Amino acid sequence: MPSKNEKTNLQPQPTNQQMELQIQFAKRKRAFGGRLNRRDKSLALSPRLECSGP
C-alpha cells in the first residue's frame, strides 16, 4: 500500500500547484459544510483575487 511518505518523496511537478489549490478548495469546502457560492469557488481557484480584493 502506498504510504503518505511515498507521496512526499516524489519530486514536485508543475501540476503540484494546481493540486495544492484543489486540496485547499476541498478543505475550504469542508469548512463550509460542502456549501460554496461561486465567489468562494473563484477565490479558491485564483488566490490572486484575494490579494487585489473585490
PDB file of N, CA and C in Angstrom:
ATOM      1  N   MET A   1       0.855  -1.213   0.000  1.00  0.00           N
ATOM      2  CA  MET A   1       0.000   0.000   0.000  1.00  0.00           C
ATOM      3  C   MET A   1       0.880   1.248   0.000  1.00  0.00           C
ATOM      4  N   PRO A   2       0.550   2.195  -0.849  1.00  0.00           N
ATOM      5  CA  PRO A   2       1.321   3.450  -0.893  1.00  0.00           C
ATOM      6  C   PRO A   2       1.111   4.264   0.377  1.00  0.00           C
ATOM      7  N   SER A   3       2.205   4.690   0.971  1.00  0.00           N
ATOM      8  CA  SER A   3       2.104   5.466   2.211  1.00  0.00           C
ATOM      9  C   SER A   3       2.166   6.957   1.906  1.00  0.00           C
ATOM     10  N   LYS A   4       1.819   7.775   2.890  1.00  0.00           N
ATOM     11  CA  LYS A   4       1.855   9.221   2.701  1.00  0.00           C
ATOM     12  C   LYS A   4       3.289   9.696   2.491  1.00  0.00           C
ATOM     13  N   ASN A   5       4.243   8.996   3.120  1.00  0.00           N
ATOM     14  CA  ASN A   5       5.638   9.374   2.968  1.00  0.00           C
ATOM     15  C   ASN A   5       6.092   9.221   1.520  1.00  0.00           C
ATOM     16  N   GLU A   6       5.582   8.197   0.857  1.00  0.00           N
ATOM     17  CA  GLU A   6       5.961   7.984  -0.540  1.00  0.00           C
ATOM     18  C   GLU A   6       5.568   9.179  -1.386  1.00  0.00           C
ATOM     19  N   LYS A   7       4.408   9.733  -1.090  1.00  0.00           N
ATOM     20  CA  LYS A   7       3.928  10.888  -1.868  1.00  0.00           C
ATOM     21  C   LYS A   7       4.865  12.080  -1.702  1.00  0.00           C
ATOM     22  N   THR A   8       5.328  12.331  -0.478  1.00  0.00           N
ATOM     23  CA  THR A   8       6.169  13.495  -0.235  1.00  0.00           C
ATOM     24  C   THR A   8       7.560  13.299  -0.829  1.00  0.00           C
ATOM     25  N   ASN A   9       7.963  12.041  -1.032  1.00  0.00           N
ATOM     26  CA  ASN A   9       9.283  11.786  -1.601  1.00  0.00           C
ATOM     27  C   ASN A   9       9.332  12.115  -3.089  1.00  0.00           C
ATOM     28  N   LEU A  10       8.181  12.132  -3.722  1.00  0.00           N
ATOM     29  CA  LEU A  10       8.142  12.460  -5.147  1.00  0.00           C
ATOM     30  C   LEU A  10       8.593  13.899  -5.373  1.00  0.00           C
ATOM     31  N   GLN A  11       9.282  14.121  -6.476  1.00  0.00           N
ATOM     32  CA  GLN A  11       9.727  15.482  -6.785  1.00  0.00           C
ATOM     33  C   GLN A  11       8.538  16.319  -7.231  1.00  0.00           C
ATOM     34  N   PRO A  12       8.537  17.599  -6.847  1.00  0.00           N
ATOM     35  CA  PRO A  12       7.416  18.483  -7.212  1.00  0.00           C
ATOM     36  C   PRO A  12       7.306  18.650  -8.724  1.00  0.00           C
ATOM     37  N   GLN A  13       6.108  18.585  -9.215  1.00  0.00           N
ATOM     38  CA  GLN A  13       5.853  18.749 -10.642  1.00  0.00           C
ATOM     39  C   GLN A  13       5.018  20.005 -10.862  1.00  0.00           C
ATOM     40  N   PRO A  14       4.978  20.509 -12.106  1.00  0.00           N
ATOM     41  CA  PRO A  14       4.209  21.724 -12.424  1.00  0.00           C
ATOM     42  C   PRO A  14       2.759  21.625 -11.970  1.00  0.00           C
ATOM     43  N   THR A  15       2.220  20.405 -11.927  1.00  0.00           N
ATOM     44  CA  THR A  15       0.819  20.245 -11.553  1.00  0.00           C
ATOM     45  C   THR A  15       0.637  20.282 -10.036  1.00  0.00           C
ATOM     46  N   ASN A  16       1.754  20.300  -9.303  1.00  0.00           N
ATOM     47  CA  ASN A  16       1.646  20.298  -7.841  1.00  0.00           C
ATOM     48  C   ASN A  16       0.882  21.518  -7.339  1.00  0.00           C
ATOM     49  N   GLN A  17       1.141  22.688  -7.955  1.00  0.00           N
ATOM     50  CA  GLN A  17       0.470  23.905  -7.501  1.00  0.00           C
ATOM     51  C   GLN A  17      -1.039  23.759  -7.680  1.00  0.00           C
ATOM     52  N   GLN A  18      -1.430  23.192  -8.820  1.00  0.00           N
ATOM     53  CA  GLN A  18      -2.862  23.008  -9.063  1.00  0.00           C
ATOM     54  C   GLN A  18      -3.440  22.019  -8.043  1.00  0.00           C
ATOM     55  N   MET A  19      -2.666  20.981  -7.749  1.00  0.00           N
ATOM     56  CA  MET A  19      -3.122  20.001  -6.760  1.00  0.00           C
ATOM     57  C   MET A  19      -3.299  20.669  -5.401  1.00  0.00           C
ATOM     58  N   GLU A  20      -2.356  21.542  -5.039  1.00  0.00           N
ATOM     59  CA  GLU A  20      -2.463  22.247  -3.756  1.00  0.00           C
ATOM     60  C   GLU A  20      -3.748  23.069  -3.715  1.00  0.00           C
ATOM     61  N   LEU A  21      -4.052  23.755  -4.824  1.00  0.00           N
ATOM     62  CA  LEU A  21      -5.276  24.561  -4.871  1.00  0.00           C
ATOM     63  C   LEU A  21      -6.498  23.662  -4.707  1.00  0.00           C
ATOM     64  N   GLN A  22      -6.450  22.496  -5.350  1.00  0.00           N
ATOM     65  CA  GLN A  22      -7.577  21.565  -5.216  1.00  0.00           C
ATOM     66  C   GLN A  22      -7.743  21.141  -3.760  1.00  0.00           C
ATOM     67  N   ILE A  23      -6.608  20.881  -3.095  1.00  0.00           N
ATOM     68  CA  ILE A  23      -6.661  20.465  -1.683  1.00  0.00           C
ATOM     69  C   ILE A  23      -7.204  21.602  -0.832  1.00  0.00           C
ATOM     70  N   GLN A  24      -6.701  22.822  -1.069  1.00  0.00           N
ATOM     71  CA  GLN A  24      -7.183  23.975  -0.310  1.00  0.00           C
ATOM     72  C   GLN A  24      -8.677  24.151  -0.529  1.00  0.00           C
ATOM     73  N   PHE A  25      -9.104  23.997  -1.780  1.00  0.00           N
ATOM     74  CA  PHE A  25     -10.522  24.147  -2.102  1.00  0.00           C
ATOM     75  C   PHE A  25     -11.352  23.089  -1.380  1.00  0.00           C
ATOM     76  N   ALA A  26     -10.821  21.866  -1.338  1.00  0.00           N
ATOM     77  CA  ALA A  26     -11.533  20.780  -0.648  1.00  0.00           C
ATOM     78  C   ALA A  26     -11.641  21.081   0.839  1.00  0.00           C
ATOM     79  N   LYS A  27     -10.547  21.573   1.424  1.00  0.00           N
ATOM     80  CA  LYS A  27     -10.579  21.908   2.854  1.00  0.00           C
ATOM     81  C   LYS A  27     -11.576  23.020   3.117  1.00  0.00           C
ATOM     82  N   ARG A  28     -11.545  24.040   2.254  1.00  0.00           N
ATOM     83  CA  ARG A  28     -12.468  25.170   2.438  1.00  0.00           C
ATOM     84  C   ARG A  28     -13.903  24.700   2.261  1.00  0.00           C
ATOM     85  N   LYS A  29     -14.107  23.841   1.281  1.00  0.00           N
ATOM     86  CA  LYS A  29     -15.455  23.313   1.026  1.00  0.00           C
ATOM     87  C   LYS A  29     -15.954  22.564   2.259  1.00  0.00           C
ATOM     88  N   ARG A  30     -15.049  21.772   2.867  1.00  0.00           N
ATOM     89  CA  ARG A  30     -15.429  21.008   4.057  1.00  0.00           C
ATOM     90  C   ARG A  30     -15.755  21.965   5.198  1.00  0.00           C
ATOM     91  N   ALA A  31     -14.974  23.059   5.299  1.00  0.00           N
ATOM     92  CA  ALA A  31     -15.190  24.034   6.370  1.00  0.00           C
ATOM     93  C   ALA A  31     -16.561  24.701   6.206  1.00  0.00           C
ATOM     94  N   PHE A  32     -16.986  24.850   4.959  1.00  0.00           N
ATOM     95  CA  PHE A  32     -18.278  25.482   4.693  1.00  0.00           C
ATOM     96  C   PHE A  32     -19.414  24.472   4.718  1.00  0.00           C
ATOM     97  N   GLY A  33     -19.112  23.250   5.138  1.00  0.00           N
ATOM     98  CA  GLY A  33     -20.150  22.226   5.193  1.00  0.00           C
ATOM     99  C   GLY A  33     -20.554  21.752   3.812  1.00  0.00           C
ATOM    100  N   GLY A  34     -19.621  21.836   2.848  1.00  0.00           N
ATOM    101  CA  GLY A  34     -19.907  21.374   1.497  1.00  0.00           C
ATOM    102  C   GLY A  34     -20.668  22.396   0.674  1.00  0.00           C
ATOM    103  N   ARG A  35     -20.949  23.568   1.285  1.00  0.00           N
ATOM    104  CA  ARG A  35     -21.692  24.589   0.533  1.00  0.00           C
ATOM    105  C   ARG A  35     -20.758  25.739   0.196  1.00  0.00           C
ATOM    106  N   LEU A  36     -20.632  26.018  -1.091  1.00  0.00           N
ATOM    107  CA  LEU A  36     -19.786  27.132  -1.530  1.00  0.00           C
ATOM    108  C   LEU A  36     -20.518  27.916  -2.612  1.00  0.00           C
ATOM    109  N   ASN A  37     -20.488  29.227  -2.482  1.00  0.00           N
ATOM    110  CA  ASN A  37     -21.073  30.011  -3.561  1.00  0.00           C
ATOM    111  C   ASN A  37     -20.007  30.272  -4.622  1.00  0.00           C
ATOM    112  N   ARG A  38     -20.409  30.827  -5.744  1.00  0.00           N
ATOM    113  CA  ARG A  38     -19.469  30.982  -6.852  1.00  0.00           C
ATOM    114  C   ARG A  38     -18.301  31.892  -6.491  1.00  0.00           C
ATOM    115  N   ARG A  39     -18.558  32.877  -5.641  1.00  0.00           N
ATOM    116  CA  ARG A  39     -17.476  33.799  -5.275  1.00  0.00           C
ATOM    117  C   ARG A  39     -16.378  33.051  -4.502  1.00  0.00           C
ATOM    118  N   ASP A  40     -16.786  32.199  -3.562  1.00  0.00           N
ATOM    119  CA  ASP A  40     -15.800  31.435  -2.805  1.00  0.00           C
ATOM    120  C   ASP A  40     -15.031  30.498  -3.730  1.00  0.00           C
ATOM    121  N   LYS A  41     -15.744  29.915  -4.685  1.00  0.00           N
ATOM    122  CA  LYS A  41     -15.103  28.989  -5.608  1.00  0.00           C
ATOM    123  C   LYS A  41     -14.030  29.708  -6.410  1.00  0.00           C
ATOM    124  N   SER A  42     -14.359  30.887  -6.930  1.00  0.00           N
ATOM    125  CA  SER A  42     -13.386  31.617  -7.743  1.00  0.00           C
ATOM    126  C   SER A  42     -12.196  32.060  -6.890  1.00  0.00           C
ATOM    127  N   LEU A  43     -12.461  32.434  -5.634  1.00  0.00           N
ATOM    128  CA  LEU A  43     -11.365  32.846  -4.756  1.00  0.00           C
ATOM    129  C   LEU A  43     -10.438  31.664  -4.483  1.00  0.00           C
ATOM    130  N   ALA A  44     -11.017  30.491  -4.305  1.00  0.00           N
ATOM    131  CA  ALA A  44     -10.206  29.315  -4.007  1.00  0.00           C
ATOM    132  C   ALA A  44      -9.373  28.920  -5.224  1.00  0.00           C
ATOM    133  N   LEU A  45      -9.931  29.116  -6.418  1.00  0.00           N
ATOM    134  CA  LEU A  45      -9.224  28.708  -7.628  1.00  0.00           C
ATOM    135  C   LEU A  45      -8.198  29.750  -8.057  1.00  0.00           C
ATOM    136  N   SER A  46      -8.403  31.022  -7.716  1.00  0.00           N
ATOM    137  CA  SER A  46      -7.440  32.059  -8.092  1.00  0.00           C
ATOM    138  C   SER A  46      -7.103  32.936  -6.889  1.00  0.00           C
ATOM    139  N   PRO A  47      -6.056  32.576  -6.162  1.00  0.00           N
ATOM    140  CA  PRO A  47      -5.655  33.309  -4.955  1.00  0.00           C
ATOM    141  C   PRO A  47      -5.306  34.763  -5.237  1.00  0.00           C
ATOM    142  N   ARG A  48      -4.970  35.076  -6.483  1.00  0.00           N
ATOM    143  CA  ARG A  48      -4.599  36.455  -6.822  1.00  0.00           C
ATOM    144  C   ARG A  48      -5.753  37.403  -6.525  1.00  0.00           C
ATOM    145  N   LEU A  49      -6.978  36.946  -6.723  1.00  0.00           N
ATOM    146  CA  LEU A  49      -8.138  37.795  -6.472  1.00  0.00           C
ATOM    147  C   LEU A  49      -8.202  38.181  -5.000  1.00  0.00           C
ATOM    148  N   GLU A  50      -7.765  37.269  -4.114  1.00  0.00           N
ATOM    149  CA  GLU A  50      -7.811  37.575  -2.687  1.00  0.00           C
ATOM    150  C   GLU A  50      -6.907  38.762  -2.366  1.00  0.00           C
ATOM    151  N   CYS A  51      -5.770  38.856  -3.063  1.00  0.00           N
ATOM    152  CA  CYS A  51      -4.830  39.944  -2.789  1.00  0.00           C
ATOM    153  C   CYS A  51      -5.390  41.271  -3.296  1.00  0.00           C
ATOM    154  N   SER A  52      -5.957  41.260  -4.496  1.00  0.00           N
ATOM    155  CA  SER A  52      -6.438  42.513  -5.079  1.00  0.00           C
ATOM    156  C   SER A  52      -7.784  42.921  -4.490  1.00  0.00           C
ATOM    157  N   GLY A  53      -8.508  41.962  -3.906  1.00  0.00           N
ATOM    158  CA  GLY A  53      -9.793  42.296  -3.309  1.00  0.00           C
ATOM    159  C   GLY A  53     -10.904  42.285  -4.340  1.00  0.00           C
ATOM    160  N   PRO A  54     -12.128  42.664  -3.939  1.00  0.00           N
ATOM    161  CA  PRO A  54     -13.305  42.610  -4.821  1.00  0.00           C
ATOM    162  C   PRO A  54     -13.195  43.575  -5.994  1.00  0.00           C
TER     163      PRO A  54
END
